[in-house]
Amino acid sequence: TDPQYRDIRSTVLLKRVIDKMKEKGFHLHNIDATIVAQKPKLSEFISRMVKQIADVLEIEPGRVNVKATTTEGLGFAGRGEGIGAYAVALVELVEEDG
């Protein structure tokens, strides 16, 4: 509901998050994301999503996994009322020598 986020690109938010992580001394190892949607079929877009996410995060595309699935008609996603997304990130606090 915060107006500053209305129509903001998700990549802008992702860049803000990774910048804050780096400032605090964290290192991102990898991302594993799942998109839950009955429609549209996302398979043709996944490689582009992986590249764009990797570019924003400044990591190799091989460290980004994006997959899509359906709920076989169940729930809000299955009825086409919305799309769900889940993501897990492996993050490490990098200790400075000294």
PDB file of N, CA and C in Angstrom:
ATOM      1  N   THR A   1       0.811  -1.213   0.000  1.00  0.00           N
ATOM      2  CA  THR A   1       0.000   0.000   0.000  1.00  0.00           C
ATOM      3  C   THR A   1       0.848   1.269   0.000  1.00  0.00           C
ATOM      4  N   ASP A   2       2.153   1.149   0.183  1.00  0.00           N
ATOM      5  CA  ASP A   2       3.026   2.315   0.192  1.00  0.00           C
ATOM      6  C   ASP A   2       3.160   2.844  -1.235  1.00  0.00           C
ATOM      7  N   PRO A   3       2.786   4.097  -1.463  1.00  0.00           N
ATOM      8  CA  PRO A   3       2.804   4.635  -2.830  1.00  0.00           C
ATOM      9  C   PRO A   3       4.185   4.664  -3.488  1.00  0.00           C
ATOM     10  N   GLN A   4       5.270   4.670  -2.709  1.00  0.00           N
ATOM     11  CA  GLN A   4       6.602   4.689  -3.324  1.00  0.00           C
ATOM     12  C   GLN A   4       6.911   3.407  -4.091  1.00  0.00           C
ATOM     13  N   TYR A   5       6.159   2.340  -3.800  1.00  0.00           N
ATOM     14  CA  TYR A   5       6.388   1.066  -4.478  1.00  0.00           C
ATOM     15  C   TYR A   5       5.387   0.794  -5.596  1.00  0.00           C
ATOM     16  N   ARG A   6       4.465   1.691  -5.822  1.00  0.00           N
ATOM     17  CA  ARG A   6       3.455   1.492  -6.872  1.00  0.00           C
ATOM     18  C   ARG A   6       4.150   1.433  -8.230  1.00  0.00           C
ATOM     19  N   ASP A   7       3.903   0.377  -8.961  1.00  0.00           N
ATOM     20  CA  ASP A   7       4.435   0.159 -10.317  1.00  0.00           C
ATOM     21  C   ASP A   7       5.958   0.071 -10.386  1.00  0.00           C
ATOM     22  N   ILE A   8       6.622  -0.166  -9.266  1.00  0.00           N
ATOM     23  CA  ILE A   8       8.082  -0.279  -9.281  1.00  0.00           C
ATOM     24  C   ILE A   8       8.467  -1.640  -9.867  1.00  0.00           C
ATOM     25  N   ARG A   9       9.529  -1.660 -10.617  1.00  0.00           N
ATOM     26  CA  ARG A   9      10.015  -2.918 -11.200  1.00  0.00           C
ATOM     27  C   ARG A   9      10.625  -3.782 -10.102  1.00  0.00           C
ATOM     28  N   SER A  10      10.365  -5.069 -10.171  1.00  0.00           N
ATOM     29  CA  SER A  10      10.910  -5.983  -9.169  1.00  0.00           C
ATOM     30  C   SER A  10      12.436  -6.014  -9.204  1.00  0.00           C
ATOM     31  N   THR A  11      13.026  -5.777 -10.372  1.00  0.00           N
ATOM     32  CA  THR A  11      14.483  -5.771 -10.462  1.00  0.00           C
ATOM     33  C   THR A  11      15.085  -4.584  -9.707  1.00  0.00           C
ATOM     34  N   VAL A  12      14.361  -3.475  -9.636  1.00  0.00           N
ATOM     35  CA  VAL A  12      14.825  -2.320  -8.863  1.00  0.00           C
ATOM     36  C   VAL A  12      14.854  -2.677  -7.378  1.00  0.00           C
ATOM     37  N   LEU A  13      13.804  -3.337  -6.914  1.00  0.00           N
ATOM     38  CA  LEU A  13      13.755  -3.765  -5.513  1.00  0.00           C
ATOM     39  C   LEU A  13      14.841  -4.796  -5.226  1.00  0.00           C
ATOM     40  N   LEU A  14      15.036  -5.734  -6.142  1.00  0.00           N
ATOM     41  CA  LEU A  14      16.067  -6.755  -5.965  1.00  0.00           C
ATOM     42  C   LEU A  14      17.450  -6.115  -5.877  1.00  0.00           C
ATOM     43  N   LYS A  15      17.720  -5.118  -6.709  1.00  0.00           N
ATOM     44  CA  LYS A  15      19.010  -4.422  -6.675  1.00  0.00           C
ATOM     45  C   LYS A  15      19.205  -3.717  -5.337  1.00  0.00           C
ATOM     46  N   ARG A  16      18.161  -3.114  -4.808  1.00  0.00           N
ATOM     47  CA  ARG A  16      18.256  -2.456  -3.499  1.00  0.00           C
ATOM     48  C   ARG A  16      18.599  -3.461  -2.409  1.00  0.00           C
ATOM     49  N   VAL A  17      17.977  -4.628  -2.468  1.00  0.00           N
ATOM     50  CA  VAL A  17      18.222  -5.662  -1.463  1.00  0.00           C
ATOM     51  C   VAL A  17      19.657  -6.165  -1.544  1.00  0.00           C
ATOM     52  N   ILE A  18      20.140  -6.473  -2.744  1.00  0.00           N
ATOM     53  CA  ILE A  18      21.499  -7.005  -2.859  1.00  0.00           C
ATOM     54  C   ILE A  18      22.525  -5.953  -2.453  1.00  0.00           C
ATOM     55  N   ASP A  19      22.259  -4.690  -2.749  1.00  0.00           N
ATOM     56  CA  ASP A  19      23.174  -3.629  -2.332  1.00  0.00           C
ATOM     57  C   ASP A  19      23.235  -3.525  -0.809  1.00  0.00           C
ATOM     58  N   LYS A  20      22.096  -3.628  -0.143  1.00  0.00           N
ATOM     59  CA  LYS A  20      22.069  -3.590   1.329  1.00  0.00           C
ATOM     60  C   LYS A  20      22.780  -4.796   1.919  1.00  0.00           C
ATOM     61  N   MET A  21      22.589  -5.957   1.303  1.00  0.00           N
ATOM     62  CA  MET A  21      23.274  -7.160   1.776  1.00  0.00           C
ATOM     63  C   MET A  21      24.783  -6.978   1.709  1.00  0.00           C
ATOM     64  N   LYS A  22      25.270  -6.480   0.590  1.00  0.00           N
ATOM     65  CA  LYS A  22      26.710  -6.282   0.409  1.00  0.00           C
ATOM     66  C   LYS A  22      27.252  -5.280   1.421  1.00  0.00           C
ATOM     67  N   GLU A  23      26.504  -4.205   1.669  1.00  0.00           N
ATOM     68  CA  GLU A  23      26.916  -3.201   2.654  1.00  0.00           C
ATOM     69  C   GLU A  23      27.103  -3.825   4.036  1.00  0.00           C
ATOM     70  N   LYS A  24      26.278  -4.810   4.356  1.00  0.00           N
ATOM     71  CA  LYS A  24      26.328  -5.469   5.665  1.00  0.00           C
ATOM     72  C   LYS A  24      27.304  -6.639   5.695  1.00  0.00           C
ATOM     73  N   GLY A  25      27.993  -6.915   4.578  1.00  0.00           N
ATOM     74  CA  GLY A  25      29.004  -7.964   4.549  1.00  0.00           C
ATOM     75  C   GLY A  25      28.494  -9.342   4.183  1.00  0.00           C
ATOM     76  N   PHE A  26      27.331  -9.408   3.561  1.00  0.00           N
ATOM     77  CA  PHE A  26      26.778 -10.709   3.158  1.00  0.00           C
ATOM     78  C   PHE A  26      27.129 -11.002   1.705  1.00  0.00           C
ATOM     79  N   HIS A  27      27.263 -12.294   1.412  1.00  0.00           N
ATOM     80  CA  HIS A  27      27.578 -12.772   0.073  1.00  0.00           C
ATOM     81  C   HIS A  27      26.487 -13.751  -0.353  1.00  0.00           C
ATOM     82  N   LEU A  28      25.947 -13.544  -1.544  1.00  0.00           N
ATOM     83  CA  LEU A  28      24.907 -14.416  -2.078  1.00  0.00           C
ATOM     84  C   LEU A  28      25.540 -15.570  -2.839  1.00  0.00           C
ATOM     85  N   HIS A  29      25.208 -16.791  -2.441  1.00  0.00           N
ATOM     86  CA  HIS A  29      25.725 -17.965  -3.145  1.00  0.00           C
ATOM     87  C   HIS A  29      24.826 -18.360  -4.307  1.00  0.00           C
ATOM     88  N   ASN A  30      23.549 -18.521  -4.039  1.00  0.00           N
ATOM     89  CA  ASN A  30      22.647 -18.936  -5.106  1.00  0.00           C
ATOM     90  C   ASN A  30      21.195 -18.620  -4.755  1.00  0.00           C
ATOM     91  N   ILE A  31      20.360 -18.703  -5.778  1.00  0.00           N
ATOM     92  CA  ILE A  31      18.918 -18.464  -5.668  1.00  0.00           C
ATOM     93  C   ILE A  31      18.196 -19.645  -6.294  1.00  0.00           C
ATOM     94  N   ASP A  32      17.138 -20.108  -5.642  1.00  0.00           N
ATOM     95  CA  ASP A  32      16.265 -21.134  -6.207  1.00  0.00           C
ATOM     96  C   ASP A  32      14.843 -20.611  -6.098  1.00  0.00           C
ATOM     97  N   ALA A  33      14.196 -20.385  -7.235  1.00  0.00           N
ATOM     98  CA  ALA A  33      12.853 -19.786  -7.240  1.00  0.00           C
ATOM     99  C   ALA A  33      11.862 -20.664  -7.990  1.00  0.00           C
ATOM    100  N   THR A  34      10.629 -20.665  -7.495  1.00  0.00           N
ATOM    101  CA  THR A  34       9.542 -21.384  -8.145  1.00  0.00           C
ATOM    102  C   THR A  34       8.377 -20.430  -8.344  1.00  0.00           C
ATOM    103  N   ILE A  35       7.859 -20.385  -9.557  1.00  0.00           N
ATOM    104  CA  ILE A  35       6.681 -19.587  -9.882  1.00  0.00           C
ATOM    105  C   ILE A  35       5.508 -20.545 -10.024  1.00  0.00           C
ATOM    106  N   VAL A  36       4.401 -20.235  -9.366  1.00  0.00           N
ATOM    107  CA  VAL A  36       3.207 -21.075  -9.400  1.00  0.00           C
ATOM    108  C   VAL A  36       2.120 -20.336 -10.170  1.00  0.00           C
ATOM    109  N   ALA A  37       1.800 -20.839 -11.356  1.00  0.00           N
ATOM    110  CA  ALA A  37       0.795 -20.184 -12.194  1.00  0.00           C
ATOM    111  C   ALA A  37       0.147 -21.205 -13.117  1.00  0.00           C
ATOM    112  N   GLN A  38      -1.156 -21.147 -13.226  1.00  0.00           N
ATOM    113  CA  GLN A  38      -1.859 -22.018 -14.162  1.00  0.00           C
ATOM    114  C   GLN A  38      -1.598 -21.535 -15.589  1.00  0.00           C
ATOM    115  N   LYS A  39      -1.669 -20.227 -15.776  1.00  0.00           N
ATOM    116  CA  LYS A  39      -1.408 -19.581 -17.059  1.00  0.00           C
ATOM    117  C   LYS A  39      -0.734 -18.261 -16.764  1.00  0.00           C
ATOM    118  N   PRO A  40       0.100 -17.755 -17.607  1.00  0.00           N
ATOM    119  CA  PRO A  40       0.545 -18.298 -18.884  1.00  0.00           C
ATOM    120  C   PRO A  40       1.618 -19.359 -18.682  1.00  0.00           C
ATOM    121  N   LYS A  41       1.889 -20.087 -19.727  1.00  0.00           N
ATOM    122  CA  LYS A  41       3.004 -21.030 -19.705  1.00  0.00           C
ATOM    123  C   LYS A  41       4.291 -20.209 -19.710  1.00  0.00           C
ATOM    124  N   LEU A  42       5.173 -20.475 -18.787  1.00  0.00           N
ATOM    125  CA  LEU A  42       6.346 -19.633 -18.591  1.00  0.00           C
ATOM    126  C   LEU A  42       7.647 -20.220 -19.134  1.00  0.00           C
ATOM    127  N   SER A  43       7.623 -21.441 -19.619  1.00  0.00           N
ATOM    128  CA  SER A  43       8.862 -22.113 -20.011  1.00  0.00           C
ATOM    129  C   SER A  43       9.699 -21.303 -20.998  1.00  0.00           C
ATOM    130  N   GLU A  44       9.083 -20.609 -21.933  1.00  0.00           N
ATOM    131  CA  GLU A  44       9.857 -19.855 -22.923  1.00  0.00           C
ATOM    132  C   GLU A  44      10.507 -18.597 -22.335  1.00  0.00           C
ATOM    133  N   PHE A  45      10.112 -18.190 -21.137  1.00  0.00           N
ATOM    134  CA  PHE A  45      10.642 -16.975 -20.517  1.00  0.00           C
ATOM    135  C   PHE A  45      11.702 -17.248 -19.449  1.00  0.00           C
ATOM    136  N   ILE A  46      11.845 -18.491 -19.040  1.00  0.00           N
ATOM    137  CA  ILE A  46      12.695 -18.809 -17.895  1.00  0.00           C
ATOM    138  C   ILE A  46      14.159 -18.441 -18.124  1.00  0.00           C
ATOM    139  N   SER A  47      14.700 -18.734 -19.285  1.00  0.00           N
ATOM    140  CA  SER A  47      16.116 -18.416 -19.511  1.00  0.00           C
ATOM    141  C   SER A  47      16.351 -16.907 -19.453  1.00  0.00           C
ATOM    142  N   ARG A  48      15.409 -16.126 -19.946  1.00  0.00           N
ATOM    143  CA  ARG A  48      15.529 -14.663 -19.854  1.00  0.00           C
ATOM    144  C   ARG A  48      15.444 -14.178 -18.417  1.00  0.00           C
ATOM    145  N   MET A  49      14.547 -14.812 -17.636  1.00  0.00           N
ATOM    146  CA  MET A  49      14.423 -14.465 -16.220  1.00  0.00           C
ATOM    147  C   MET A  49      15.726 -14.757 -15.483  1.00  0.00           C
ATOM    148  N   VAL A  50      16.294 -15.920 -15.734  1.00  0.00           N
ATOM    149  CA  VAL A  50      17.546 -16.308 -15.077  1.00  0.00           C
ATOM    150  C   VAL A  50      18.642 -15.295 -15.402  1.00  0.00           C
ATOM    151  N   LYS A  51      18.772 -14.924 -16.675  1.00  0.00           N
ATOM    152  CA  LYS A  51      19.808 -13.973 -17.072  1.00  0.00           C
ATOM    153  C   LYS A  51      19.603 -12.619 -16.406  1.00  0.00           C
ATOM    154  N   GLN A  52      18.372 -12.137 -16.395  1.00  0.00           N
ATOM    155  CA  GLN A  52      18.104 -10.824 -15.814  1.00  0.00           C
ATOM    156  C   GLN A  52      18.360 -10.823 -14.305  1.00  0.00           C
ATOM    157  N   ILE A  53      17.939 -11.870 -13.622  1.00  0.00           N
ATOM    158  CA  ILE A  53      18.174 -11.970 -12.175  1.00  0.00           C
ATOM    159  C   ILE A  53      19.675 -12.034 -11.900  1.00  0.00           C
ATOM    160  N   ALA A  54      20.381 -12.863 -12.647  1.00  0.00           N
ATOM    161  CA  ALA A  54      21.830 -12.987 -12.463  1.00  0.00           C
ATOM    162  C   ALA A  54      22.526 -11.656 -12.726  1.00  0.00           C
ATOM    163  N   ASP A  55      22.101 -10.935 -13.744  1.00  0.00           N
ATOM    164  CA  ASP A  55      22.699  -9.626 -14.042  1.00  0.00           C
ATOM    165  C   ASP A  55      22.497  -8.651 -12.895  1.00  0.00           C
ATOM    166  N   VAL A  56      21.292  -8.583 -12.363  1.00  0.00           N
ATOM    167  CA  VAL A  56      20.994  -7.666 -11.254  1.00  0.00           C
ATOM    168  C   VAL A  56      21.802  -8.043 -10.010  1.00  0.00           C
ATOM    169  N   LEU A  57      21.906  -9.336  -9.749  1.00  0.00           N
ATOM    170  CA  LEU A  57      22.607  -9.808  -8.554  1.00  0.00           C
ATOM    171  C   LEU A  57      24.120  -9.894  -8.742  1.00  0.00           C
ATOM    172  N   GLU A  58      24.572  -9.700  -9.974  1.00  0.00           N
ATOM    173  CA  GLU A  58      25.994  -9.767 -10.310  1.00  0.00           C
ATOM    174  C   GLU A  58      26.598 -11.121  -9.943  1.00  0.00           C
ATOM    175  N   ILE A  59      25.869 -12.184 -10.319  1.00  0.00           N
ATOM    176  CA  ILE A  59      26.347 -13.552 -10.131  1.00  0.00           C
ATOM    177  C   ILE A  59      26.204 -14.299 -11.458  1.00  0.00           C
ATOM    178  N   GLU A  60      26.841 -15.463 -11.542  1.00  0.00           N
ATOM    179  CA  GLU A  60      26.749 -16.273 -12.755  1.00  0.00           C
ATOM    180  C   GLU A  60      25.338 -16.842 -12.894  1.00  0.00           C
ATOM    181  N   PRO A  61      24.830 -16.921 -14.124  1.00  0.00           N
ATOM    182  CA  PRO A  61      23.499 -17.497 -14.334  1.00  0.00           C
ATOM    183  C   PRO A  61      23.357 -18.918 -13.789  1.00  0.00           C
ATOM    184  N   GLY A  62      24.450 -19.670 -13.722  1.00  0.00           N
ATOM    185  CA  GLY A  62      24.401 -21.027 -13.179  1.00  0.00           C
ATOM    186  C   GLY A  62      24.075 -21.079 -11.700  1.00  0.00           C
ATOM    187  N   ARG A  63      24.120 -19.939 -11.026  1.00  0.00           N
ATOM    188  CA  ARG A  63      23.787 -19.882  -9.604  1.00  0.00           C
ATOM    189  C   ARG A  63      22.354 -19.407  -9.372  1.00  0.00           C
ATOM    190  N   VAL A  64      21.604 -19.285 -10.477  1.00  0.00           N
ATOM    191  CA  VAL A  64      20.194 -18.877 -10.396  1.00  0.00           C
ATOM    192  C   VAL A  64      19.348 -19.982 -11.007  1.00  0.00           C
ATOM    193  N   ASN A  65      18.401 -20.493 -10.245  1.00  0.00           N
ATOM    194  CA  ASN A  65      17.483 -21.510 -10.740  1.00  0.00           C
ATOM    195  C   ASN A  65      16.062 -20.959 -10.655  1.00  0.00           C
ATOM    196  N   VAL A  66      15.374 -20.963 -11.786  1.00  0.00           N
ATOM    197  CA  VAL A  66      13.968 -20.546 -11.829  1.00  0.00           C
ATOM    198  C   VAL A  66      13.192 -21.661 -12.498  1.00  0.00           C
ATOM    199  N   LYS A  67      12.112 -22.068 -11.866  1.00  0.00           N
ATOM    200  CA  LYS A  67      11.253 -23.090 -12.460  1.00  0.00           C
ATOM    201  C   LYS A  67       9.798 -22.665 -12.284  1.00  0.00           C
ATOM    202  N   ALA A  68       8.935 -23.236 -13.076  1.00  0.00           N
ATOM    203  CA  ALA A  68       7.516 -22.903 -13.002  1.00  0.00           C
ATOM    204  C   ALA A  68       6.710 -24.182 -12.859  1.00  0.00           C
ATOM    205  N   THR A  69       5.604 -24.060 -12.165  1.00  0.00           N
ATOM    206  CA  THR A  69       4.713 -25.192 -11.980  1.00  0.00           C
ATOM    207  C   THR A  69       3.276 -24.695 -11.915  1.00  0.00           C
ATOM    208  N   THR A  70       2.343 -25.617 -11.967  1.00  0.00           N
ATOM    209  CA  THR A  70       0.925 -25.281 -11.809  1.00  0.00           C
ATOM    210  C   THR A  70       0.416 -25.965 -10.547  1.00  0.00           C
ATOM    211  N   THR A  71      -0.809 -25.644 -10.189  1.00  0.00           N
ATOM    212  CA  THR A  71      -1.446 -26.334  -9.069  1.00  0.00           C
ATOM    213  C   THR A  71      -2.525 -27.286  -9.576  1.00  0.00           C
ATOM    214  N   GLU A  72      -2.467 -27.585 -10.871  1.00  0.00           N
ATOM    215  CA  GLU A  72      -3.435 -28.497 -11.495  1.00  0.00           C
ATOM    216  C   GLU A  72      -4.866 -28.061 -11.223  1.00  0.00           C
ATOM    217  N   GLY A  73      -5.091 -26.753 -11.286  1.00  0.00           N
ATOM    218  CA  GLY A  73      -6.449 -26.217 -11.143  1.00  0.00           C
ATOM    219  C   GLY A  73      -6.883 -25.936  -9.721  1.00  0.00           C
ATOM    220  N   LEU A  74      -6.033 -26.205  -8.742  1.00  0.00           N
ATOM    221  CA  LEU A  74      -6.408 -26.007  -7.344  1.00  0.00           C
ATOM    222  C   LEU A  74      -6.035 -24.611  -6.843  1.00  0.00           C
ATOM    223  N   GLY A  75      -6.835 -24.087  -5.951  1.00  0.00           N
ATOM    224  CA  GLY A  75      -6.530 -22.826  -5.286  1.00  0.00           C
ATOM    225  C   GLY A  75      -6.631 -21.616  -6.192  1.00  0.00           C
ATOM    226  N   PHE A  76      -6.230 -20.442  -5.637  1.00  0.00           N
ATOM    227  CA  PHE A  76      -6.343 -19.191  -6.386  1.00  0.00           C
ATOM    228  C   PHE A  76      -5.501 -19.208  -7.659  1.00  0.00           C
ATOM    229  N   ALA A  77      -4.309 -19.808  -7.593  1.00  0.00           N
ATOM    230  CA  ALA A  77      -3.451 -19.859  -8.784  1.00  0.00           C
ATOM    231  C   ALA A  77      -4.070 -20.775  -9.837  1.00  0.00           C
ATOM    232  N   GLY A  78      -4.616 -21.876  -9.407  1.00  0.00           N
ATOM    233  CA  GLY A  78      -5.240 -22.820 -10.326  1.00  0.00           C
ATOM    234  C   GLY A  78      -6.477 -22.271 -11.000  1.00  0.00           C
ATOM    235  N   ARG A  79      -7.172 -21.377 -10.302  1.00  0.00           N
ATOM    236  CA  ARG A  79      -8.355 -20.725 -10.880  1.00  0.00           C
ATOM    237  C   ARG A  79      -7.976 -19.513 -11.725  1.00  0.00           C
ATOM    238  N   GLY A  80      -6.682 -19.210 -11.818  1.00  0.00           N
ATOM    239  CA  GLY A  80      -6.236 -18.076 -12.615  1.00  0.00           C
ATOM    240  C   GLY A  80      -6.453 -16.739 -11.936  1.00  0.00           C
ATOM    241  N   GLU A  81      -6.613 -16.739 -10.613  1.00  0.00           N
ATOM    242  CA  GLU A  81      -6.866 -15.503  -9.869  1.00  0.00           C
ATOM    243  C   GLU A  81      -5.578 -14.816  -9.423  1.00  0.00           C
ATOM    244  N   GLY A  82      -4.454 -15.457  -9.616  1.00  0.00           N
ATOM    245  CA  GLY A  82      -3.193 -14.872  -9.203  1.00  0.00           C
ATOM    246  C   GLY A  82      -2.043 -15.812  -9.490  1.00  0.00           C
ATOM    247  N   ILE A  83      -0.858 -15.335  -9.188  1.00  0.00           N
ATOM    248  CA  ILE A  83       0.366 -16.106  -9.378  1.00  0.00           C
ATOM    249  C   ILE A  83       1.117 -16.104  -8.057  1.00  0.00           C
ATOM    250  N   GLY A  84       1.683 -17.243  -7.692  1.00  0.00           N
ATOM    251  CA  GLY A  84       2.484 -17.334  -6.477  1.00  0.00           C
ATOM    252  C   GLY A  84       3.955 -17.490  -6.843  1.00  0.00           C
ATOM    253  N   ALA A  85       4.809 -17.098  -5.915  1.00  0.00           N
ATOM    254  CA  ALA A  85       6.250 -17.253  -6.131  1.00  0.00           C
ATOM    255  C   ALA A  85       6.910 -17.566  -4.801  1.00  0.00           C
ATOM    256  N   TYR A  86       7.872 -18.471  -4.853  1.00  0.00           N
ATOM    257  CA  TYR A  86       8.647 -18.861  -3.680  1.00  0.00           C
ATOM    258  C   TYR A  86      10.115 -18.796  -4.063  1.00  0.00           C
ATOM    259  N   ALA A  87      10.936 -18.297  -3.168  1.00  0.00           N
ATOM    260  CA  ALA A  87      12.364 -18.243  -3.468  1.00  0.00           C
ATOM    261  C   ALA A  87      13.164 -18.525  -2.208  1.00  0.00           C
ATOM    262  N   VAL A  88      14.272 -19.217  -2.403  1.00  0.00           N
ATOM    263  CA  VAL A  88      15.204 -19.506  -1.318  1.00  0.00           C
ATOM    264  C   VAL A  88      16.568 -19.010  -1.780  1.00  0.00           C
ATOM    265  N   ALA A  89      17.258 -18.308  -0.887  1.00  0.00           N
ATOM    266  CA  ALA A  89      18.592 -17.817  -1.195  1.00  0.00           C
ATOM    267  C   ALA A  89      19.574 -18.333  -0.159  1.00  0.00           C
ATOM    268  N   LEU A  90      20.714 -18.799  -0.622  1.00  0.00           N
ATOM    269  CA  LEU A  90      21.791 -19.189   0.283  1.00  0.00           C
ATOM    270  C   LEU A  90      22.721 -17.985   0.416  1.00  0.00           C
ATOM    271  N   VAL A  91      22.805 -17.458   1.650  1.00  0.00           N
ATOM    272  CA  VAL A  91      23.547 -16.235   1.926  1.00  0.00           C
ATOM    273  C   VAL A  91      24.548 -16.513   3.032  1.00  0.00           C
ATOM    274  N   GLU A  92      25.742 -15.943   2.885  1.00  0.00           N
ATOM    275  CA  GLU A  92      26.803 -16.150   3.884  1.00  0.00           C
ATOM    276  C   GLU A  92      27.311 -14.790   4.350  1.00  0.00           C
ATOM    277  N   LEU A  93      27.555 -14.670   5.646  1.00  0.00           N
ATOM    278  CA  LEU A  93      28.195 -13.487   6.200  1.00  0.00           C
ATOM    279  C   LEU A  93      29.685 -13.652   6.017  1.00  0.00           C
ATOM    280  N   VAL A  94      30.302 -12.730   5.300  1.00  0.00           N
ATOM    281  CA  VAL A  94      31.726 -12.793   5.015  1.00  0.00           C
ATOM    282  C   VAL A  94      32.456 -12.021   6.111  1.00  0.00           C
ATOM    283  N   GLU A  95      33.267 -12.735   6.857  1.00  0.00           N
ATOM    284  CA  GLU A  95      34.038 -12.115   7.947  1.00  0.00           C
ATOM    285  C   GLU A  95      35.284 -11.470   7.362  1.00  0.00           C
ATOM    286  N   GLU A  96      35.579 -10.271   7.806  1.00  0.00           N
ATOM    287  CA  GLU A  96      36.804  -9.598   7.365  1.00  0.00           C
ATOM    288  C   GLU A  96      37.955 -10.081   8.203  1.00  0.00           C
ATOM    289  N   ASP A  97      39.112 -10.272   7.585  1.00  0.00           N
ATOM    290  CA  ASP A  97      40.328 -10.648   8.326  1.00  0.00           C
ATOM    291  C   ASP A  97      40.799  -9.460   9.154  1.00  0.00           C
ATOM    292  N   GLY A  98      41.328  -9.762  10.314  1.00  0.00           N
ATOM    293  CA  GLY A  98      41.913  -8.659  10.981  1.00  0.00           C
ATOM    294  C   GLY A  98      41.711  -8.515  12.389  1.00  0.00           C
TER     295      GLY A  98
END
